[in-house]
Amino acid sequence: MAERRSPKKVIYFLKEDLADLDAGITSIKERVSSAGQQVGEAAGESYDWHDNFAYEQAQRDRAMWTKKLIEMTELKQRARLVEPDYLAGYVGLGRIATFEDLITGQVSSLRIGSYQVFKDDSISYTTPVARLLLGASIGTVRRGRIGGEEKHFRIINVK
């Protein structure tokens, strides 16, 4: 019986995060190449790798960066570009949600970002807070558990 593979889940990226993913892939390709050169240099002309710490470390580095490259390349293959709808009145990717924690009274603003975000000003849409806020409009109250605590958020503004 043939093994069935489930389709890879599509993941969403904003334009700037997709560009950062591409830059990260390029950077890691350079690290893999550099690590490969270090393997050759550490082995020396005689390729004597026995009890050669530098060679073994270079091999570990190359394996680590190769694994990271594979992971990021797979992300890129599953990525779909999303253009934020800035005219919509609800919380979505690329939008900044301002909300009040109705239990503590604390007001916070968060930018909902891509599957993987590369900047400190955003949170991924996959985080518990973002999942709770997505699709809500001004005045909506959302309730849910985050980090084991019951949260009640009221959307104050969406930009």
N, C-alpha and C. Protein backbone atom coordinates (compact mmCIF):
# COMPACT_ATOMS: atom_id res chain seq x y z
N MET A 1 0.83 -1.18 0.00
CA MET A 1 0.00 0.00 0.00
C MET A 1 0.88 1.24 0.00
N ALA A 2 0.60 2.17 -0.87
CA ALA A 2 1.41 3.39 -1.00
C ALA A 2 1.14 4.32 0.18
N GLU A 3 2.20 4.94 0.64
CA GLU A 3 2.08 5.89 1.74
C GLU A 3 1.51 7.21 1.22
N ARG A 4 0.49 7.72 1.89
CA ARG A 4 -0.10 9.01 1.50
C ARG A 4 0.54 10.11 2.31
N ARG A 5 0.97 11.12 1.63
CA ARG A 5 1.52 12.29 2.30
C ARG A 5 0.48 13.38 2.33
N SER A 6 0.34 13.99 3.49
CA SER A 6 -0.60 15.09 3.56
C SER A 6 0.04 16.32 2.92
N PRO A 7 -0.77 17.15 2.26
CA PRO A 7 -0.20 18.34 1.62
C PRO A 7 0.38 19.29 2.68
N LYS A 8 1.43 19.95 2.30
CA LYS A 8 2.05 20.92 3.21
C LYS A 8 1.12 22.11 3.37
N LYS A 9 0.99 22.56 4.60
CA LYS A 9 0.11 23.68 4.91
C LYS A 9 0.70 24.98 4.36
N VAL A 10 -0.15 25.77 3.72
CA VAL A 10 0.26 27.07 3.21
C VAL A 10 0.48 28.00 4.40
N ILE A 11 1.52 28.80 4.31
CA ILE A 11 1.79 29.79 5.35
C ILE A 11 1.84 31.17 4.69
N TYR A 12 1.44 32.18 5.44
CA TYR A 12 1.26 33.51 4.86
C TYR A 12 2.36 34.46 5.31
N PHE A 13 2.82 35.27 4.34
CA PHE A 13 3.87 36.23 4.58
C PHE A 13 3.49 37.58 4.01
N LEU A 14 3.82 38.61 4.76
CA LEU A 14 3.75 39.98 4.24
C LEU A 14 4.99 40.19 3.38
N LYS A 15 4.92 41.15 2.49
CA LYS A 15 6.00 41.41 1.53
C LYS A 15 7.36 41.58 2.20
N GLU A 16 7.42 42.41 3.27
CA GLU A 16 8.71 42.68 3.91
C GLU A 16 9.27 41.44 4.62
N ASP A 17 8.40 40.61 5.20
CA ASP A 17 8.88 39.40 5.86
C ASP A 17 9.34 38.36 4.84
N LEU A 18 8.67 38.30 3.69
CA LEU A 18 9.10 37.39 2.64
C LEU A 18 10.47 37.81 2.10
N ALA A 19 10.69 39.12 1.98
CA ALA A 19 12.00 39.62 1.55
C ALA A 19 13.06 39.27 2.60
N ASP A 20 12.71 39.38 3.88
CA ASP A 20 13.65 39.01 4.94
C ASP A 20 13.94 37.51 4.93
N LEU A 21 12.94 36.69 4.61
CA LEU A 21 13.15 35.25 4.49
C LEU A 21 14.12 34.97 3.36
N ASP A 22 13.93 35.62 2.22
CA ASP A 22 14.85 35.45 1.08
C ASP A 22 16.27 35.85 1.46
N ALA A 23 16.41 36.97 2.16
CA ALA A 23 17.74 37.43 2.59
C ALA A 23 18.36 36.43 3.55
N GLY A 24 17.54 35.86 4.43
CA GLY A 24 18.03 34.86 5.37
C GLY A 24 18.52 33.61 4.66
N ILE A 25 17.78 33.19 3.63
CA ILE A 25 18.19 32.02 2.86
C ILE A 25 19.53 32.28 2.18
N THR A 26 19.69 33.46 1.59
CA THR A 26 20.95 33.82 0.94
C THR A 26 22.10 33.81 1.94
N SER A 27 21.86 34.38 3.10
CA SER A 27 22.89 34.42 4.15
C SER A 27 23.29 33.02 4.61
N ILE A 28 22.31 32.15 4.76
CA ILE A 28 22.61 30.79 5.22
C ILE A 28 23.33 30.00 4.13
N LYS A 29 22.99 30.23 2.86
CA LYS A 29 23.73 29.58 1.77
C LYS A 29 25.21 29.94 1.85
N GLU A 30 25.48 31.22 2.16
CA GLU A 30 26.87 31.66 2.30
C GLU A 30 27.55 30.98 3.48
N ARG A 31 26.82 30.78 4.57
CA ARG A 31 27.38 30.10 5.75
C ARG A 31 27.68 28.64 5.45
N VAL A 32 26.78 27.98 4.69
CA VAL A 32 27.00 26.58 4.31
C VAL A 32 28.27 26.48 3.47
N SER A 33 28.41 27.39 2.51
CA SER A 33 29.58 27.40 1.66
C SER A 33 30.86 27.64 2.46
N SER A 34 30.80 28.60 3.36
CA SER A 34 31.96 28.92 4.20
C SER A 34 32.32 27.73 5.09
N ALA A 35 31.31 27.08 5.66
CA ALA A 35 31.57 25.92 6.51
C ALA A 35 32.19 24.79 5.69
N GLY A 36 31.75 24.63 4.44
CA GLY A 36 32.35 23.62 3.58
C GLY A 36 33.82 23.91 3.31
N GLN A 37 34.14 25.18 3.09
CA GLN A 37 35.54 25.56 2.89
C GLN A 37 36.35 25.28 4.15
N GLN A 38 35.76 25.54 5.31
CA GLN A 38 36.46 25.29 6.58
C GLN A 38 36.71 23.80 6.78
N VAL A 39 35.78 22.96 6.33
CA VAL A 39 35.98 21.51 6.41
C VAL A 39 37.22 21.12 5.61
N GLY A 40 37.31 21.63 4.38
CA GLY A 40 38.46 21.32 3.53
C GLY A 40 39.76 21.84 4.11
N GLU A 41 39.74 23.07 4.62
CA GLU A 41 40.95 23.65 5.21
C GLU A 41 41.38 22.90 6.46
N ALA A 42 40.43 22.50 7.28
CA ALA A 42 40.75 21.80 8.52
C ALA A 42 41.28 20.40 8.25
N ALA A 43 40.81 19.78 7.17
CA ALA A 43 41.29 18.44 6.83
C ALA A 43 42.73 18.49 6.36
N GLY A 44 43.12 19.60 5.75
CA GLY A 44 44.49 19.73 5.26
C GLY A 44 44.70 18.96 3.98
N GLU A 45 45.90 19.06 3.47
CA GLU A 45 46.21 18.39 2.21
C GLU A 45 46.16 16.88 2.32
N SER A 46 46.48 16.37 3.49
CA SER A 46 46.50 14.92 3.64
C SER A 46 45.12 14.36 4.00
N TYR A 47 44.16 15.27 4.18
CA TYR A 47 42.82 14.88 4.59
C TYR A 47 42.85 14.04 5.86
N ASP A 48 43.77 14.40 6.75
CA ASP A 48 43.89 13.72 8.03
C ASP A 48 42.86 14.32 8.99
N TRP A 49 41.75 13.65 9.13
CA TRP A 49 40.69 14.18 9.97
C TRP A 49 40.63 13.48 11.32
N HIS A 50 41.42 12.43 11.49
CA HIS A 50 41.39 11.69 12.74
C HIS A 50 41.88 12.56 13.90
N ASP A 51 41.05 12.65 14.95
CA ASP A 51 41.37 13.48 16.13
C ASP A 51 41.66 14.93 15.76
N ASN A 52 40.92 15.43 14.79
CA ASN A 52 41.11 16.80 14.32
C ASN A 52 39.88 17.59 14.73
N PHE A 53 39.99 18.32 15.86
CA PHE A 53 38.85 19.06 16.39
C PHE A 53 38.32 20.08 15.40
N ALA A 54 39.19 20.81 14.75
CA ALA A 54 38.76 21.85 13.81
C ALA A 54 37.93 21.24 12.68
N TYR A 55 38.36 20.08 12.19
CA TYR A 55 37.62 19.40 11.12
C TYR A 55 36.24 18.96 11.62
N GLU A 56 36.21 18.36 12.79
CA GLU A 56 34.95 17.88 13.35
C GLU A 56 33.99 19.05 13.61
N GLN A 57 34.51 20.16 14.12
CA GLN A 57 33.66 21.33 14.38
C GLN A 57 33.14 21.91 13.07
N ALA A 58 33.98 21.97 12.07
CA ALA A 58 33.54 22.48 10.76
C ALA A 58 32.46 21.58 10.17
N GLN A 59 32.58 20.28 10.35
CA GLN A 59 31.56 19.34 9.88
C GLN A 59 30.23 19.59 10.60
N ARG A 60 30.30 19.79 11.93
CA ARG A 60 29.09 20.07 12.70
C ARG A 60 28.44 21.38 12.25
N ASP A 61 29.27 22.40 12.04
CA ASP A 61 28.75 23.69 11.58
C ASP A 61 28.07 23.56 10.22
N ARG A 62 28.71 22.84 9.32
CA ARG A 62 28.13 22.66 7.98
C ARG A 62 26.80 21.91 8.07
N ALA A 63 26.74 20.89 8.90
CA ALA A 63 25.50 20.13 9.07
C ALA A 63 24.39 21.01 9.67
N MET A 64 24.75 21.83 10.66
CA MET A 64 23.78 22.70 11.30
C MET A 64 23.21 23.71 10.30
N TRP A 65 24.10 24.37 9.55
CA TRP A 65 23.65 25.39 8.60
C TRP A 65 22.89 24.76 7.43
N THR A 66 23.27 23.56 7.02
CA THR A 66 22.55 22.87 5.96
C THR A 66 21.13 22.54 6.41
N LYS A 67 20.98 22.08 7.64
CA LYS A 67 19.66 21.78 8.18
C LYS A 67 18.80 23.05 8.22
N LYS A 68 19.39 24.15 8.67
CA LYS A 68 18.66 25.42 8.73
C LYS A 68 18.26 25.88 7.33
N LEU A 69 19.15 25.70 6.35
CA LEU A 69 18.85 26.06 4.96
C LEU A 69 17.67 25.25 4.43
N ILE A 70 17.65 23.97 4.72
CA ILE A 70 16.55 23.11 4.28
C ILE A 70 15.24 23.59 4.90
N GLU A 71 15.26 23.89 6.20
CA GLU A 71 14.04 24.37 6.89
C GLU A 71 13.53 25.67 6.27
N MET A 72 14.42 26.61 6.03
CA MET A 72 14.00 27.91 5.49
C MET A 72 13.54 27.78 4.04
N THR A 73 14.17 26.90 3.27
CA THR A 73 13.76 26.68 1.89
C THR A 73 12.37 26.05 1.85
N GLU A 74 12.10 25.13 2.77
CA GLU A 74 10.76 24.54 2.85
C GLU A 74 9.72 25.59 3.21
N LEU A 75 10.06 26.52 4.12
CA LEU A 75 9.16 27.62 4.44
C LEU A 75 8.85 28.43 3.19
N LYS A 76 9.88 28.74 2.44
CA LYS A 76 9.72 29.55 1.23
C LYS A 76 8.79 28.84 0.23
N GLN A 77 8.92 27.53 0.11
CA GLN A 77 8.09 26.78 -0.83
C GLN A 77 6.61 26.80 -0.43
N ARG A 78 6.34 26.90 0.86
CA ARG A 78 4.97 26.91 1.36
C ARG A 78 4.40 28.32 1.48
N ALA A 79 5.24 29.33 1.30
CA ALA A 79 4.85 30.72 1.55
C ALA A 79 3.92 31.25 0.46
N ARG A 80 2.96 32.03 0.92
CA ARG A 80 2.06 32.75 0.02
C ARG A 80 2.07 34.21 0.46
N LEU A 81 2.22 35.10 -0.52
CA LEU A 81 2.26 36.53 -0.25
C LEU A 81 0.85 37.04 0.05
N VAL A 82 0.74 37.86 1.10
CA VAL A 82 -0.53 38.46 1.48
C VAL A 82 -0.35 39.97 1.46
N GLU A 83 -1.26 40.63 0.79
CA GLU A 83 -1.29 42.09 0.80
C GLU A 83 -2.31 42.53 1.84
N PRO A 84 -1.90 43.31 2.84
CA PRO A 84 -2.85 43.75 3.87
C PRO A 84 -3.96 44.60 3.28
N ASP A 85 -5.15 44.42 3.81
CA ASP A 85 -6.30 45.23 3.40
C ASP A 85 -6.45 46.33 4.43
N TYR A 86 -5.81 47.47 4.17
CA TYR A 86 -5.81 48.56 5.14
C TYR A 86 -7.14 49.28 5.24
N LEU A 87 -8.05 49.03 4.33
CA LEU A 87 -9.35 49.68 4.38
C LEU A 87 -10.36 48.88 5.21
N ALA A 88 -10.05 47.61 5.44
CA ALA A 88 -10.96 46.77 6.21
C ALA A 88 -10.95 47.22 7.67
N GLY A 89 -12.06 47.06 8.33
CA GLY A 89 -12.18 47.50 9.71
C GLY A 89 -11.97 46.39 10.72
N TYR A 90 -11.18 45.39 10.36
CA TYR A 90 -10.96 44.28 11.27
C TYR A 90 -9.47 43.98 11.40
N VAL A 91 -9.12 43.22 12.43
CA VAL A 91 -7.74 42.84 12.68
C VAL A 91 -7.34 41.78 11.66
N GLY A 92 -6.25 42.03 10.95
CA GLY A 92 -5.73 41.09 9.96
C GLY A 92 -4.23 41.25 9.82
N LEU A 93 -3.63 40.46 8.95
CA LEU A 93 -2.20 40.54 8.73
C LEU A 93 -1.79 41.93 8.27
N GLY A 94 -0.73 42.43 8.87
CA GLY A 94 -0.21 43.74 8.52
C GLY A 94 -0.90 44.88 9.26
N ARG A 95 -1.93 44.59 10.00
CA ARG A 95 -2.69 45.61 10.72
C ARG A 95 -2.18 45.74 12.15
N ILE A 96 -2.36 46.92 12.72
CA ILE A 96 -2.02 47.17 14.12
C ILE A 96 -3.31 47.20 14.91
N ALA A 97 -3.40 46.31 15.89
CA ALA A 97 -4.59 46.24 16.74
C ALA A 97 -4.27 46.86 18.09
N THR A 98 -5.09 47.79 18.51
CA THR A 98 -5.00 48.34 19.86
C THR A 98 -6.17 47.77 20.64
N PHE A 99 -5.86 47.19 21.79
CA PHE A 99 -6.90 46.50 22.57
C PHE A 99 -6.67 46.69 24.06
N GLU A 100 -7.75 46.56 24.79
CA GLU A 100 -7.71 46.68 26.24
C GLU A 100 -7.93 45.32 26.86
N ASP A 101 -7.09 44.98 27.83
CA ASP A 101 -7.30 43.77 28.63
C ASP A 101 -8.37 44.14 29.65
N LEU A 102 -9.56 43.59 29.54
CA LEU A 102 -10.67 43.97 30.39
C LEU A 102 -10.50 43.49 31.83
N ILE A 103 -9.56 42.60 32.08
CA ILE A 103 -9.30 42.12 33.44
C ILE A 103 -8.32 43.05 34.15
N THR A 104 -7.25 43.46 33.45
CA THR A 104 -6.22 44.30 34.08
C THR A 104 -6.36 45.78 33.75
N GLY A 105 -7.09 46.10 32.68
CA GLY A 105 -7.21 47.48 32.23
C GLY A 105 -6.05 47.94 31.36
N GLN A 106 -5.07 47.09 31.15
CA GLN A 106 -3.90 47.45 30.34
C GLN A 106 -4.28 47.57 28.87
N VAL A 107 -3.79 48.64 28.23
CA VAL A 107 -4.00 48.86 26.80
C VAL A 107 -2.70 48.53 26.08
N SER A 108 -2.81 47.75 25.00
CA SER A 108 -1.64 47.34 24.22
C SER A 108 -1.93 47.50 22.74
N SER A 109 -0.87 47.65 21.97
CA SER A 109 -0.96 47.66 20.51
C SER A 109 0.01 46.65 19.96
N LEU A 110 -0.46 45.85 19.01
CA LEU A 110 0.37 44.84 18.37
C LEU A 110 0.14 44.85 16.87
N ARG A 111 1.20 44.70 16.12
CA ARG A 111 1.10 44.54 14.67
C ARG A 111 1.09 43.05 14.39
N ILE A 112 0.09 42.60 13.67
CA ILE A 112 -0.03 41.18 13.33
C ILE A 112 0.80 40.94 12.07
N GLY A 113 1.80 40.08 12.21
CA GLY A 113 2.72 39.85 11.11
C GLY A 113 2.57 38.47 10.48
N SER A 114 3.57 38.12 9.73
CA SER A 114 3.62 36.89 8.95
C SER A 114 3.76 35.66 9.83
N TYR A 115 3.79 34.51 9.17
CA TYR A 115 4.03 33.24 9.86
C TYR A 115 5.31 33.33 10.66
N GLN A 116 6.33 33.87 10.03
CA GLN A 116 7.61 34.09 10.70
C GLN A 116 7.94 35.56 10.53
N VAL A 117 8.15 36.24 11.65
CA VAL A 117 8.46 37.67 11.59
C VAL A 117 9.93 37.87 11.91
N PHE A 118 10.51 38.87 11.30
CA PHE A 118 11.93 39.13 11.44
C PHE A 118 12.20 40.46 12.13
N LYS A 119 11.15 41.18 12.43
CA LYS A 119 11.30 42.49 13.08
C LYS A 119 10.62 42.45 14.44
N ASP A 120 11.11 43.28 15.36
CA ASP A 120 10.57 43.30 16.72
C ASP A 120 9.21 43.98 16.82
N ASP A 121 8.76 44.66 15.79
CA ASP A 121 7.51 45.42 15.90
C ASP A 121 6.27 44.58 15.56
N SER A 122 6.44 43.28 15.31
CA SER A 122 5.32 42.43 14.92
C SER A 122 5.30 41.13 15.72
N ILE A 123 4.12 40.53 15.74
CA ILE A 123 4.00 39.17 16.27
C ILE A 123 3.41 38.31 15.17
N SER A 124 3.76 37.05 15.15
CA SER A 124 3.25 36.13 14.14
C SER A 124 1.75 35.92 14.32
N TYR A 125 1.07 35.73 13.20
CA TYR A 125 -0.36 35.45 13.26
C TYR A 125 -0.65 34.11 13.92
N THR A 126 0.38 33.30 14.14
CA THR A 126 0.19 31.99 14.77
C THR A 126 0.24 32.05 16.29
N THR A 127 0.62 33.19 16.87
CA THR A 127 0.69 33.29 18.33
C THR A 127 -0.72 33.27 18.93
N PRO A 128 -0.82 32.81 20.17
CA PRO A 128 -2.15 32.78 20.80
C PRO A 128 -2.84 34.14 20.85
N VAL A 129 -2.10 35.21 21.12
CA VAL A 129 -2.71 36.55 21.18
C VAL A 129 -3.25 36.93 19.80
N ALA A 130 -2.45 36.74 18.77
CA ALA A 130 -2.89 37.11 17.42
C ALA A 130 -4.10 36.28 16.99
N ARG A 131 -4.07 34.99 17.27
CA ARG A 131 -5.20 34.13 16.88
C ARG A 131 -6.49 34.60 17.56
N LEU A 132 -6.36 35.08 18.80
CA LEU A 132 -7.53 35.58 19.52
C LEU A 132 -8.07 36.87 18.89
N LEU A 133 -7.17 37.72 18.39
CA LEU A 133 -7.56 39.02 17.86
C LEU A 133 -7.98 39.00 16.39
N LEU A 134 -7.45 38.07 15.61
CA LEU A 134 -7.72 38.05 14.15
C LEU A 134 -9.21 38.05 13.85
N GLY A 135 -9.59 38.91 12.93
CA GLY A 135 -10.97 38.99 12.47
C GLY A 135 -11.87 39.88 13.32
N ALA A 136 -11.37 40.35 14.46
CA ALA A 136 -12.18 41.20 15.33
C ALA A 136 -12.21 42.63 14.80
N SER A 137 -13.32 43.31 15.03
CA SER A 137 -13.45 44.71 14.63
C SER A 137 -13.52 45.58 15.89
N ILE A 138 -13.48 46.89 15.70
CA ILE A 138 -13.52 47.83 16.82
C ILE A 138 -14.78 47.57 17.66
N GLY A 139 -14.57 47.48 18.97
CA GLY A 139 -15.65 47.23 19.91
C GLY A 139 -15.87 45.76 20.24
N THR A 140 -15.33 44.87 19.43
CA THR A 140 -15.49 43.43 19.66
C THR A 140 -14.73 43.02 20.92
N VAL A 141 -15.33 42.15 21.71
CA VAL A 141 -14.66 41.57 22.87
C VAL A 141 -14.35 40.11 22.54
N ARG A 142 -13.10 39.74 22.73
CA ARG A 142 -12.67 38.37 22.49
C ARG A 142 -12.21 37.77 23.82
N ARG A 143 -12.60 36.52 24.05
CA ARG A 143 -12.21 35.82 25.27
C ARG A 143 -11.47 34.55 24.89
N GLY A 144 -10.44 34.22 25.69
CA GLY A 144 -9.69 33.00 25.45
C GLY A 144 -8.61 32.81 26.49
N ARG A 145 -7.97 31.66 26.41
CA ARG A 145 -6.88 31.35 27.34
C ARG A 145 -5.55 31.57 26.63
N ILE A 146 -4.68 32.32 27.30
CA ILE A 146 -3.34 32.58 26.78
C ILE A 146 -2.37 32.34 27.94
N GLY A 147 -1.45 31.43 27.73
CA GLY A 147 -0.48 31.12 28.78
C GLY A 147 -1.14 30.62 30.05
N GLY A 148 -2.24 29.90 29.90
CA GLY A 148 -2.94 29.35 31.05
C GLY A 148 -3.84 30.34 31.78
N GLU A 149 -3.91 31.57 31.31
CA GLU A 149 -4.74 32.58 31.95
C GLU A 149 -5.91 32.96 31.05
N GLU A 150 -7.04 33.19 31.68
CA GLU A 150 -8.22 33.66 30.95
C GLU A 150 -8.00 35.13 30.58
N LYS A 151 -8.21 35.46 29.31
CA LYS A 151 -8.05 36.83 28.83
C LYS A 151 -9.35 37.31 28.21
N HIS A 152 -9.63 38.59 28.42
CA HIS A 152 -10.78 39.25 27.80
C HIS A 152 -10.26 40.53 27.19
N PHE A 153 -10.23 40.60 25.87
CA PHE A 153 -9.71 41.75 25.16
C PHE A 153 -10.84 42.47 24.41
N ARG A 154 -10.84 43.78 24.48
CA ARG A 154 -11.77 44.59 23.69
C ARG A 154 -10.96 45.38 22.69
N ILE A 155 -11.31 45.29 21.42
CA ILE A 155 -10.59 46.01 20.36
C ILE A 155 -10.97 47.47 20.44
N ILE A 156 -9.95 48.34 20.56
CA ILE A 156 -10.16 49.79 20.65
C ILE A 156 -9.96 50.44 19.28
N ASN A 157 -8.96 49.97 18.55
CA ASN A 157 -8.63 50.59 17.27
C ASN A 157 -7.92 49.58 16.37
N VAL A 158 -8.08 49.75 15.07
CA VAL A 158 -7.38 48.92 14.08
C VAL A 158 -6.84 49.86 13.02
N LYS A 159 -5.53 49.82 12.78
CA LYS A 159 -4.89 50.66 11.75
C LYS A 159 -4.21 49.79 10.72
